[in-house]
Amino acid sequence: MRPTATVLVYSDDAGTREQVRLAVGRRPAADVPPVEILECATLPAVLSALEAGGVDACVLDGEAVPAGGMGVCRQIKDEIFRCPPVLLLIGRPQDAWLATWSRADAAVTHPVDPVALADALADLLRRRPAAVGG
């Protein structure tokens, strides 16, 4: 793994992107590399960043408009070769089944709980090297 991990954060809401950035901090856990946040506000920006490569994990806002994070997740899982793991922000715990439908690797509820988000992201980053090396 590179010395830093790049985490793509997608939301049309700058406040949500900021909440994620603050929750993740410089390093979501001591045993994962420091993170560099790549913010995207539109679906074309997400697709462009993923096609360029170098993204280690994605955090997608399930409530984003016009392209919601659940649909974006399902699309990138279908279209991006070796798609990085995806953490989905969902509006309600009852939406967990939709996160499963979208093929998200993990989900946390919004508004952002900093501890839950950092823990879930750290777990995805821990699993990422095995996906690349295999």
C-alpha atoms as a PDB file:
ATOM      1  CA  MET A   1       0.000   0.000   0.000  1.00  0.00           C
ATOM      2  CA  ARG A   2       1.141   3.522  -0.727  1.00  0.00           C
ATOM      3  CA  PRO A   3       2.306   5.673   2.218  1.00  0.00           C
ATOM      4  CA  THR A   4      -1.068   7.454   2.108  1.00  0.00           C
ATOM      5  CA  ALA A   5      -4.515   6.149   1.241  1.00  0.00           C
ATOM      6  CA  THR A   6      -6.740   8.159  -1.079  1.00  0.00           C
ATOM      7  CA  VAL A   7     -10.382   8.260  -0.005  1.00  0.00           C
ATOM      8  CA  LEU A   8     -12.924   9.586  -2.481  1.00  0.00           C
ATOM      9  CA  VAL A   9     -15.831  11.360  -0.752  1.00  0.00           C
ATOM     10  CA  TYR A  10     -18.932  11.946  -2.877  1.00  0.00           C
ATOM     11  CA  SER A  11     -21.809  14.207  -1.896  1.00  0.00           C
ATOM     12  CA  ASP A  12     -23.526  17.131  -3.567  1.00  0.00           C
ATOM     13  CA  ASP A  13     -23.609  18.743  -0.099  1.00  0.00           C
ATOM     14  CA  ALA A  14     -20.364  20.476   0.902  1.00  0.00           C
ATOM     15  CA  GLY A  15     -21.417  20.192   4.559  1.00  0.00           C
ATOM     16  CA  THR A  16     -21.662  16.406   4.314  1.00  0.00           C
ATOM     17  CA  ARG A  17     -18.247  16.208   2.647  1.00  0.00           C
ATOM     18  CA  GLU A  18     -16.840  18.348   5.459  1.00  0.00           C
ATOM     19  CA  GLN A  19     -18.428  16.114   8.134  1.00  0.00           C
ATOM     20  CA  VAL A  20     -16.784  13.076   6.550  1.00  0.00           C
ATOM     21  CA  ARG A  21     -13.425  14.845   6.257  1.00  0.00           C
ATOM     22  CA  LEU A  22     -13.534  15.900   9.915  1.00  0.00           C
ATOM     23  CA  ALA A  23     -14.670  12.453  11.094  1.00  0.00           C
ATOM     24  CA  VAL A  24     -11.873  10.691   9.210  1.00  0.00           C
ATOM     25  CA  GLY A  25      -9.193  13.164  10.210  1.00  0.00           C
ATOM     26  CA  ARG A  26      -5.650  12.490   9.074  1.00  0.00           C
ATOM     27  CA  ARG A  27      -5.784   8.808   9.948  1.00  0.00           C
ATOM     28  CA  PRO A  28      -8.966   6.874  10.828  1.00  0.00           C
ATOM     29  CA  ALA A  29      -7.005   4.327  12.920  1.00  0.00           C
ATOM     30  CA  ALA A  30      -3.420   3.852  14.081  1.00  0.00           C
ATOM     31  CA  ASP A  31      -2.890   0.710  11.982  1.00  0.00           C
ATOM     32  CA  VAL A  32      -3.903   2.227   8.619  1.00  0.00           C
ATOM     33  CA  PRO A  33      -2.000   4.778   6.531  1.00  0.00           C
ATOM     34  CA  PRO A  34      -2.761   8.485   6.710  1.00  0.00           C
ATOM     35  CA  VAL A  35      -5.550   9.466   4.336  1.00  0.00           C
ATOM     36  CA  GLU A  36      -5.816  12.028   1.614  1.00  0.00           C
ATOM     37  CA  ILE A  37      -9.414  13.077   0.896  1.00  0.00           C
ATOM     38  CA  LEU A  38     -10.542  13.568  -2.699  1.00  0.00           C
ATOM     39  CA  GLU A  39     -13.874  15.409  -2.686  1.00  0.00           C
ATOM     40  CA  CYS A  40     -16.351  14.988  -5.543  1.00  0.00           C
ATOM     41  CA  ALA A  41     -19.691  16.767  -5.875  1.00  0.00           C
ATOM     42  CA  THR A  42     -20.916  15.180  -9.125  1.00  0.00           C
ATOM     43  CA  LEU A  43     -21.181  11.734 -10.681  1.00  0.00           C
ATOM     44  CA  PRO A  44     -18.915  12.673 -13.632  1.00  0.00           C
ATOM     45  CA  ALA A  45     -16.213  13.754 -11.146  1.00  0.00           C
ATOM     46  CA  VAL A  46     -16.523  10.414  -9.310  1.00  0.00           C
ATOM     47  CA  LEU A  47     -16.250   8.398 -12.520  1.00  0.00           C
ATOM     48  CA  SER A  48     -13.305  10.450 -13.750  1.00  0.00           C
ATOM     49  CA  ALA A  49     -11.426  10.035 -10.457  1.00  0.00           C
ATOM     50  CA  LEU A  50     -12.040   6.285 -10.345  1.00  0.00           C
ATOM     51  CA  GLU A  51     -11.016   5.794 -13.971  1.00  0.00           C
ATOM     52  CA  ALA A  52      -7.768   7.692 -13.256  1.00  0.00           C
ATOM     53  CA  GLY A  53      -6.988   5.137 -10.517  1.00  0.00           C
ATOM     54  CA  GLY A  54      -5.278   5.480  -7.178  1.00  0.00           C
ATOM     55  CA  VAL A  55      -8.440   5.566  -5.043  1.00  0.00           C
ATOM     56  CA  ASP A  56      -8.227   3.189  -2.074  1.00  0.00           C
ATOM     57  CA  ALA A  57     -11.793   3.574  -0.749  1.00  0.00           C
ATOM     58  CA  CYS A  58     -14.953   5.570  -1.428  1.00  0.00           C
ATOM     59  CA  VAL A  59     -17.439   7.201   0.930  1.00  0.00           C
ATOM     60  CA  LEU A  60     -20.690   7.874  -0.940  1.00  0.00           C
ATOM     61  CA  ASP A  61     -23.660   9.908   0.294  1.00  0.00           C
ATOM     62  CA  GLY A  62     -26.803   7.854  -0.210  1.00  0.00           C
ATOM     63  CA  GLU A  63     -28.880  11.042  -0.064  1.00  0.00           C
ATOM     64  CA  ALA A  64     -26.932  12.944  -2.750  1.00  0.00           C
ATOM     65  CA  VAL A  65     -28.880  14.453  -5.648  1.00  0.00           C
ATOM     66  CA  PRO A  66     -29.402  14.056  -8.505  1.00  0.00           C
ATOM     67  CA  ALA A  67     -27.276  10.876  -8.451  1.00  0.00           C
ATOM     68  CA  GLY A  68     -27.735   9.149  -5.091  1.00  0.00           C
ATOM     69  CA  GLY A  69     -24.832   7.281  -3.559  1.00  0.00           C
ATOM     70  CA  MET A  70     -26.643   3.936  -3.689  1.00  0.00           C
ATOM     71  CA  GLY A  71     -27.114   4.101  -7.439  1.00  0.00           C
ATOM     72  CA  VAL A  72     -23.587   5.425  -7.878  1.00  0.00           C
ATOM     73  CA  CYS A  73     -22.252   2.525  -5.811  1.00  0.00           C
ATOM     74  CA  ARG A  74     -24.064  -0.049  -7.899  1.00  0.00           C
ATOM     75  CA  GLN A  75     -22.877   1.639 -11.111  1.00  0.00           C
ATOM     76  CA  ILE A  76     -19.208   1.783 -10.121  1.00  0.00           C
ATOM     77  CA  LYS A  77     -19.265  -1.817  -8.855  1.00  0.00           C
ATOM     78  CA  ASP A  78     -20.483  -2.815 -12.348  1.00  0.00           C
ATOM     79  CA  GLU A  79     -18.287  -0.488 -14.404  1.00  0.00           C
ATOM     80  CA  ILE A  80     -14.974   0.092 -12.590  1.00  0.00           C
ATOM     81  CA  PHE A  81     -12.406  -2.707 -12.830  1.00  0.00           C
ATOM     82  CA  ARG A  82     -11.151  -3.517  -9.326  1.00  0.00           C
ATOM     83  CA  CYS A  83     -13.542  -1.004  -7.821  1.00  0.00           C
ATOM     84  CA  PRO A  84     -12.292   0.177  -4.442  1.00  0.00           C
ATOM     85  CA  PRO A  85     -14.382  -0.710  -1.398  1.00  0.00           C
ATOM     86  CA  VAL A  86     -17.352   1.551  -0.769  1.00  0.00           C
ATOM     87  CA  LEU A  87     -18.703   2.941   2.504  1.00  0.00           C
ATOM     88  CA  LEU A  88     -22.236   4.234   2.043  1.00  0.00           C
ATOM     89  CA  LEU A  89     -23.851   6.954   4.159  1.00  0.00           C
ATOM     90  CA  ILE A  90     -27.495   5.977   4.601  1.00  0.00           C
ATOM     91  CA  GLY A  91     -30.338   8.098   5.925  1.00  0.00           C
ATOM     92  CA  ARG A  92     -31.863   5.499   8.244  1.00  0.00           C
ATOM     93  CA  PRO A  93     -30.779   2.163   9.710  1.00  0.00           C
ATOM     94  CA  GLN A  94     -33.765   0.625   7.875  1.00  0.00           C
ATOM     95  CA  ASP A  95     -32.026   1.481   4.590  1.00  0.00           C
ATOM     96  CA  ALA A  96     -29.302  -1.109   5.223  1.00  0.00           C
ATOM     97  CA  TRP A  97     -30.986  -3.501   2.782  1.00  0.00           C
ATOM     98  CA  LEU A  98     -30.629  -0.851   0.061  1.00  0.00           C
ATOM     99  CA  ALA A  99     -26.932  -0.589   0.852  1.00  0.00           C
ATOM    100  CA  THR A 100     -26.707  -4.352   0.335  1.00  0.00           C
ATOM    101  CA  TRP A 101     -28.579  -4.030  -2.973  1.00  0.00           C
ATOM    102  CA  SER A 102     -26.122  -1.350  -4.084  1.00  0.00           C
ATOM    103  CA  ARG A 103     -23.198  -3.718  -3.297  1.00  0.00           C
ATOM    104  CA  ALA A 104     -21.697  -1.381  -0.703  1.00  0.00           C
ATOM    105  CA  ASP A 105     -18.966  -2.961   1.402  1.00  0.00           C
ATOM    106  CA  ALA A 106     -20.128  -1.122   4.542  1.00  0.00           C
ATOM    107  CA  ALA A 107     -22.751   1.407   5.599  1.00  0.00           C
ATOM    108  CA  VAL A 108     -23.133   3.963   8.387  1.00  0.00           C
ATOM    109  CA  THR A 109     -26.039   6.252   9.100  1.00  0.00           C
ATOM    110  CA  HIS A 110     -26.127   9.957   8.392  1.00  0.00           C
ATOM    111  CA  PRO A 111     -25.770  12.362  10.196  1.00  0.00           C
ATOM    112  CA  VAL A 112     -22.192  11.244  10.529  1.00  0.00           C
ATOM    113  CA  ASP A 113     -21.131   9.539  13.756  1.00  0.00           C
ATOM    114  CA  PRO A 114     -17.368  10.246  13.683  1.00  0.00           C
ATOM    115  CA  VAL A 115     -16.403   7.081  15.577  1.00  0.00           C
ATOM    116  CA  ALA A 116     -18.595   4.753  13.489  1.00  0.00           C
ATOM    117  CA  LEU A 117     -17.448   6.296  10.224  1.00  0.00           C
ATOM    118  CA  ALA A 118     -13.739   6.197  11.125  1.00  0.00           C
ATOM    119  CA  ASP A 119     -14.044   2.572  12.311  1.00  0.00           C
ATOM    120  CA  ALA A 120     -15.877   1.454   9.165  1.00  0.00           C
ATOM    121  CA  LEU A 121     -13.444   3.256   6.862  1.00  0.00           C
ATOM    122  CA  ALA A 122     -10.419   1.862   8.716  1.00  0.00           C
ATOM    123  CA  ASP A 123     -11.864  -1.651   8.298  1.00  0.00           C
ATOM    124  CA  LEU A 124     -12.198  -1.118   4.536  1.00  0.00           C
ATOM    125  CA  LEU A 125      -8.641   0.217   4.295  1.00  0.00           C
ATOM    126  CA  ARG A 126      -7.315  -2.794   6.222  1.00  0.00           C
ATOM    127  CA  ARG A 127      -8.975  -5.136   3.729  1.00  0.00           C
ATOM    128  CA  ARG A 128      -7.897  -3.212   0.619  1.00  0.00           C
ATOM    129  CA  PRO A 129      -4.332  -4.598   0.179  1.00  0.00           C
ATOM    130  CA  ALA A 130      -5.624  -8.169  -0.033  1.00  0.00           C
ATOM    131  CA  ALA A 131      -8.008  -7.136  -2.822  1.00  0.00           C
ATOM    132  CA  VAL A 132      -5.181  -5.562  -4.839  1.00  0.00           C
ATOM    133  CA  GLY A 133      -2.631  -8.293  -4.186  1.00  0.00           C
ATOM    134  CA  GLY A 134      -4.989 -11.134  -5.108  1.00  0.00           C
END
